[in-house]
Amino acid sequence: MARRHANYWRQISDETIDDDIRTHQATAVEKHGANFSSSHELWAVLSEELEEFWDSVKKDDPDPQELVDLIVAARLGLLWLCERGRSKLPAVKSEYRL
């Protein structure tokens, strides 16, 4: 394994990975917004992030940051799809809510 990403590998652990992803997610939302214009755009973003990770793997230098970017894009995409799906549901009468 290449040493280019050694510092990043050392600082990530099971206890810190969620915070790292949330930090990168907040940065991505600031920079690009939290919504996608279409499911095609979501697919394109996910595809691009996966391709960037694959490029680093082919160079025998897997970049963990590319995986974080992929996870962030997937999380944002999932949140966007769920919100979009909720907005299409019929309204529920208040007496039936739990």
N, C-alpha and C. Protein backbone atom coordinates (compact mmCIF):
# COMPACT_ATOMS: atom_id res chain seq x y z
N MET A 1 0.85 -1.18 0.00
CA MET A 1 0.00 0.00 0.00
C MET A 1 0.88 1.24 0.00
N ALA A 2 0.49 2.18 -0.77
CA ALA A 2 1.26 3.42 -0.86
C ALA A 2 1.17 4.20 0.45
N ARG A 3 2.16 5.02 0.68
CA ARG A 3 2.21 5.79 1.91
C ARG A 3 1.63 7.19 1.77
N ARG A 4 1.16 7.55 0.58
CA ARG A 4 0.66 8.90 0.35
C ARG A 4 -0.47 9.27 1.30
N HIS A 5 -1.30 8.31 1.66
CA HIS A 5 -2.46 8.56 2.50
C HIS A 5 -2.27 8.06 3.94
N ALA A 6 -1.05 7.80 4.32
CA ALA A 6 -0.77 7.19 5.62
C ALA A 6 -1.32 8.00 6.78
N ASN A 7 -1.18 9.32 6.75
CA ASN A 7 -1.68 10.14 7.86
C ASN A 7 -3.19 10.03 7.98
N TYR A 8 -3.88 10.01 6.86
CA TYR A 8 -5.34 9.88 6.90
C TYR A 8 -5.73 8.51 7.46
N TRP A 9 -5.04 7.47 7.02
CA TRP A 9 -5.34 6.12 7.51
C TRP A 9 -5.16 6.05 9.02
N ARG A 10 -4.13 6.72 9.55
CA ARG A 10 -3.86 6.67 10.98
C ARG A 10 -4.92 7.36 11.82
N GLN A 11 -5.50 8.43 11.30
CA GLN A 11 -6.43 9.21 12.13
C GLN A 11 -7.86 8.70 12.09
N ILE A 12 -8.20 7.79 11.19
CA ILE A 12 -9.57 7.28 11.09
C ILE A 12 -9.69 6.00 11.91
N SER A 13 -10.74 5.97 12.71
CA SER A 13 -11.04 4.76 13.48
C SER A 13 -12.56 4.63 13.54
N ASP A 14 -13.02 3.55 14.10
CA ASP A 14 -14.46 3.33 14.22
C ASP A 14 -15.11 4.45 15.03
N GLU A 15 -14.37 5.01 15.98
CA GLU A 15 -14.92 6.08 16.83
C GLU A 15 -14.96 7.43 16.11
N THR A 16 -14.09 7.64 15.12
CA THR A 16 -13.98 8.96 14.50
C THR A 16 -14.59 9.04 13.11
N ILE A 17 -14.88 7.92 12.49
CA ILE A 17 -15.29 7.94 11.08
C ILE A 17 -16.61 8.69 10.88
N ASP A 18 -17.58 8.53 11.79
CA ASP A 18 -18.86 9.21 11.62
C ASP A 18 -18.70 10.72 11.69
N ASP A 19 -17.87 11.20 12.60
CA ASP A 19 -17.62 12.64 12.70
C ASP A 19 -16.95 13.16 11.43
N ASP A 20 -16.00 12.38 10.91
CA ASP A 20 -15.30 12.78 9.69
C ASP A 20 -16.29 12.88 8.52
N ILE A 21 -17.17 11.91 8.40
CA ILE A 21 -18.16 11.91 7.32
C ILE A 21 -19.11 13.10 7.48
N ARG A 22 -19.56 13.34 8.71
CA ARG A 22 -20.47 14.48 8.94
C ARG A 22 -19.80 15.82 8.61
N THR A 23 -18.54 15.95 8.96
CA THR A 23 -17.80 17.17 8.65
C THR A 23 -17.71 17.37 7.14
N HIS A 24 -17.36 16.31 6.42
CA HIS A 24 -17.26 16.40 4.97
C HIS A 24 -18.64 16.63 4.34
N GLN A 25 -19.67 16.07 4.94
CA GLN A 25 -21.02 16.27 4.43
C GLN A 25 -21.42 17.74 4.57
N ALA A 26 -21.14 18.34 5.72
CA ALA A 26 -21.46 19.75 5.92
C ALA A 26 -20.72 20.63 4.91
N THR A 27 -19.48 20.31 4.65
CA THR A 27 -18.70 21.05 3.66
C THR A 27 -19.31 20.90 2.27
N ALA A 28 -19.71 19.69 1.92
CA ALA A 28 -20.32 19.45 0.61
C ALA A 28 -21.64 20.20 0.46
N VAL A 29 -22.43 20.24 1.52
CA VAL A 29 -23.71 20.96 1.47
C VAL A 29 -23.47 22.45 1.31
N GLU A 30 -22.48 22.99 2.02
CA GLU A 30 -22.13 24.40 1.87
C GLU A 30 -21.72 24.72 0.44
N LYS A 31 -20.93 23.83 -0.12
CA LYS A 31 -20.37 24.07 -1.45
C LYS A 31 -21.36 23.81 -2.58
N HIS A 32 -22.15 22.71 -2.48
CA HIS A 32 -22.99 22.28 -3.59
C HIS A 32 -24.49 22.29 -3.29
N GLY A 33 -24.86 22.46 -2.02
CA GLY A 33 -26.26 22.35 -1.65
C GLY A 33 -26.61 20.90 -1.30
N ALA A 34 -27.78 20.71 -0.71
CA ALA A 34 -28.17 19.38 -0.24
C ALA A 34 -29.06 18.64 -1.22
N ASN A 35 -29.48 19.31 -2.29
CA ASN A 35 -30.43 18.70 -3.21
C ASN A 35 -29.79 18.39 -4.55
N PHE A 36 -30.37 17.43 -5.21
CA PHE A 36 -29.98 17.09 -6.57
C PHE A 36 -31.10 17.56 -7.48
N SER A 37 -30.77 17.90 -8.72
CA SER A 37 -31.81 18.37 -9.63
C SER A 37 -32.62 17.20 -10.19
N SER A 38 -32.05 16.00 -10.16
CA SER A 38 -32.76 14.83 -10.66
C SER A 38 -32.05 13.57 -10.16
N SER A 39 -32.72 12.45 -10.32
CA SER A 39 -32.08 11.18 -9.95
C SER A 39 -30.92 10.88 -10.90
N HIS A 40 -30.97 11.42 -12.12
CA HIS A 40 -29.86 11.25 -13.06
C HIS A 40 -28.61 11.99 -12.56
N GLU A 41 -28.82 13.17 -11.98
CA GLU A 41 -27.68 13.90 -11.43
C GLU A 41 -27.10 13.14 -10.24
N LEU A 42 -27.96 12.59 -9.39
CA LEU A 42 -27.49 11.78 -8.26
C LEU A 42 -26.64 10.63 -8.77
N TRP A 43 -27.14 9.91 -9.77
CA TRP A 43 -26.37 8.79 -10.34
C TRP A 43 -25.02 9.27 -10.86
N ALA A 44 -25.01 10.42 -11.55
CA ALA A 44 -23.76 10.94 -12.11
C ALA A 44 -22.75 11.28 -11.01
N VAL A 45 -23.22 11.87 -9.93
CA VAL A 45 -22.32 12.22 -8.82
C VAL A 45 -21.76 10.95 -8.17
N LEU A 46 -22.62 9.98 -7.91
CA LEU A 46 -22.15 8.72 -7.32
C LEU A 46 -21.16 8.02 -8.25
N SER A 47 -21.48 8.01 -9.53
CA SER A 47 -20.60 7.38 -10.51
C SER A 47 -19.24 8.06 -10.55
N GLU A 48 -19.24 9.39 -10.51
CA GLU A 48 -17.99 10.14 -10.53
C GLU A 48 -17.15 9.84 -9.29
N GLU A 49 -17.78 9.82 -8.13
CA GLU A 49 -17.03 9.55 -6.89
C GLU A 49 -16.46 8.13 -6.90
N LEU A 50 -17.24 7.18 -7.39
CA LEU A 50 -16.75 5.80 -7.47
C LEU A 50 -15.59 5.70 -8.46
N GLU A 51 -15.71 6.39 -9.58
CA GLU A 51 -14.65 6.38 -10.58
C GLU A 51 -13.36 6.99 -10.02
N GLU A 52 -13.48 8.05 -9.23
CA GLU A 52 -12.29 8.65 -8.63
C GLU A 52 -11.61 7.69 -7.66
N PHE A 53 -12.40 6.94 -6.89
CA PHE A 53 -11.79 5.94 -6.01
C PHE A 53 -11.15 4.84 -6.84
N TRP A 54 -11.83 4.39 -7.87
CA TRP A 54 -11.30 3.33 -8.73
C TRP A 54 -9.99 3.77 -9.37
N ASP A 55 -9.89 5.03 -9.79
CA ASP A 55 -8.64 5.54 -10.36
C ASP A 55 -7.50 5.43 -9.36
N SER A 56 -7.77 5.75 -8.09
CA SER A 56 -6.72 5.65 -7.08
C SER A 56 -6.34 4.18 -6.82
N VAL A 57 -7.30 3.29 -6.91
CA VAL A 57 -7.02 1.85 -6.72
C VAL A 57 -6.15 1.34 -7.87
N LYS A 58 -6.46 1.75 -9.09
CA LYS A 58 -5.67 1.31 -10.25
C LYS A 58 -4.23 1.78 -10.16
N LYS A 59 -4.00 2.89 -9.46
CA LYS A 59 -2.64 3.40 -9.26
C LYS A 59 -1.96 2.73 -8.07
N ASP A 60 -2.64 1.74 -7.48
CA ASP A 60 -2.16 1.04 -6.29
C ASP A 60 -1.94 2.03 -5.13
N ASP A 61 -2.82 3.00 -5.06
CA ASP A 61 -2.74 4.03 -4.02
C ASP A 61 -4.17 4.40 -3.60
N PRO A 62 -4.93 3.43 -3.03
CA PRO A 62 -6.33 3.72 -2.70
C PRO A 62 -6.46 4.91 -1.76
N ASP A 63 -7.28 5.85 -2.17
CA ASP A 63 -7.44 7.10 -1.44
C ASP A 63 -8.69 7.02 -0.55
N PRO A 64 -8.51 6.97 0.76
CA PRO A 64 -9.67 6.88 1.66
C PRO A 64 -10.59 8.09 1.55
N GLN A 65 -10.04 9.24 1.18
CA GLN A 65 -10.86 10.43 1.03
C GLN A 65 -11.89 10.24 -0.08
N GLU A 66 -11.54 9.51 -1.11
CA GLU A 66 -12.49 9.25 -2.19
C GLU A 66 -13.65 8.39 -1.68
N LEU A 67 -13.39 7.48 -0.77
CA LEU A 67 -14.47 6.70 -0.18
C LEU A 67 -15.36 7.57 0.69
N VAL A 68 -14.77 8.48 1.43
CA VAL A 68 -15.56 9.41 2.24
C VAL A 68 -16.45 10.25 1.33
N ASP A 69 -15.89 10.73 0.22
CA ASP A 69 -16.69 11.51 -0.73
C ASP A 69 -17.85 10.70 -1.29
N LEU A 70 -17.60 9.42 -1.57
CA LEU A 70 -18.66 8.53 -2.07
C LEU A 70 -19.75 8.34 -1.01
N ILE A 71 -19.35 8.13 0.23
CA ILE A 71 -20.31 7.96 1.32
C ILE A 71 -21.14 9.22 1.50
N VAL A 72 -20.49 10.37 1.46
CA VAL A 72 -21.21 11.64 1.61
C VAL A 72 -22.22 11.81 0.48
N ALA A 73 -21.82 11.53 -0.74
CA ALA A 73 -22.75 11.65 -1.87
C ALA A 73 -23.91 10.67 -1.71
N ALA A 74 -23.63 9.46 -1.25
CA ALA A 74 -24.69 8.47 -1.05
C ALA A 74 -25.65 8.91 0.06
N ARG A 75 -25.11 9.43 1.15
CA ARG A 75 -25.97 9.91 2.25
C ARG A 75 -26.85 11.06 1.80
N LEU A 76 -26.25 12.02 1.12
CA LEU A 76 -27.04 13.16 0.63
C LEU A 76 -28.09 12.70 -0.37
N GLY A 77 -27.71 11.76 -1.23
CA GLY A 77 -28.66 11.23 -2.20
C GLY A 77 -29.80 10.50 -1.53
N LEU A 78 -29.51 9.72 -0.52
CA LEU A 78 -30.55 8.99 0.21
C LEU A 78 -31.49 9.96 0.90
N LEU A 79 -30.94 10.97 1.55
CA LEU A 79 -31.79 11.97 2.22
C LEU A 79 -32.67 12.70 1.21
N TRP A 80 -32.09 13.05 0.06
CA TRP A 80 -32.83 13.74 -0.98
C TRP A 80 -33.96 12.87 -1.52
N LEU A 81 -33.65 11.59 -1.80
CA LEU A 81 -34.69 10.68 -2.31
C LEU A 81 -35.81 10.47 -1.29
N CYS A 82 -35.46 10.32 -0.03
CA CYS A 82 -36.48 10.12 1.01
C CYS A 82 -37.36 11.36 1.15
N GLU A 83 -36.76 12.54 1.12
CA GLU A 83 -37.53 13.77 1.21
C GLU A 83 -38.45 13.91 0.01
N ARG A 84 -37.92 13.59 -1.13
CA ARG A 84 -38.72 13.65 -2.37
C ARG A 84 -39.88 12.66 -2.31
N GLY A 85 -39.63 11.47 -1.78
CA GLY A 85 -40.69 10.47 -1.65
C GLY A 85 -41.75 10.90 -0.64
N ARG A 86 -41.30 11.49 0.48
CA ARG A 86 -42.26 11.96 1.48
C ARG A 86 -43.16 13.05 0.93
N SER A 87 -42.61 13.91 0.09
CA SER A 87 -43.41 15.02 -0.44
C SER A 87 -44.48 14.52 -1.41
N LYS A 88 -44.35 13.31 -1.91
CA LYS A 88 -45.34 12.75 -2.84
C LYS A 88 -46.41 11.92 -2.14
N LEU A 89 -46.23 11.68 -0.84
CA LEU A 89 -47.21 10.90 -0.09
C LEU A 89 -48.44 11.75 0.19
N PRO A 90 -49.61 11.11 0.21
CA PRO A 90 -50.80 11.89 0.56
C PRO A 90 -50.73 12.32 2.03
N ALA A 91 -51.38 13.42 2.33
CA ALA A 91 -51.39 13.93 3.70
C ALA A 91 -52.14 12.95 4.58
N VAL A 92 -51.68 12.81 5.83
CA VAL A 92 -52.33 11.92 6.79
C VAL A 92 -53.15 12.77 7.73
N LYS A 93 -54.39 12.35 7.97
CA LYS A 93 -55.26 13.09 8.87
C LYS A 93 -54.67 13.03 10.27
N SER A 94 -54.74 14.13 10.98
CA SER A 94 -54.10 14.23 12.30
C SER A 94 -54.63 13.21 13.28
N GLU A 95 -55.90 12.79 13.20
CA GLU A 95 -56.42 11.84 14.19
C GLU A 95 -55.82 10.44 14.01
N TYR A 96 -55.17 10.21 12.89
CA TYR A 96 -54.56 8.89 12.66
C TYR A 96 -53.07 8.86 12.99
N ARG A 97 -52.52 9.98 13.31
CA ARG A 97 -51.08 10.03 13.64
C ARG A 97 -50.86 9.44 15.02
N LEU A 98 -49.72 8.82 15.17
CA LEU A 98 -49.35 8.25 16.46
C LEU A 98 -48.62 9.26 17.31
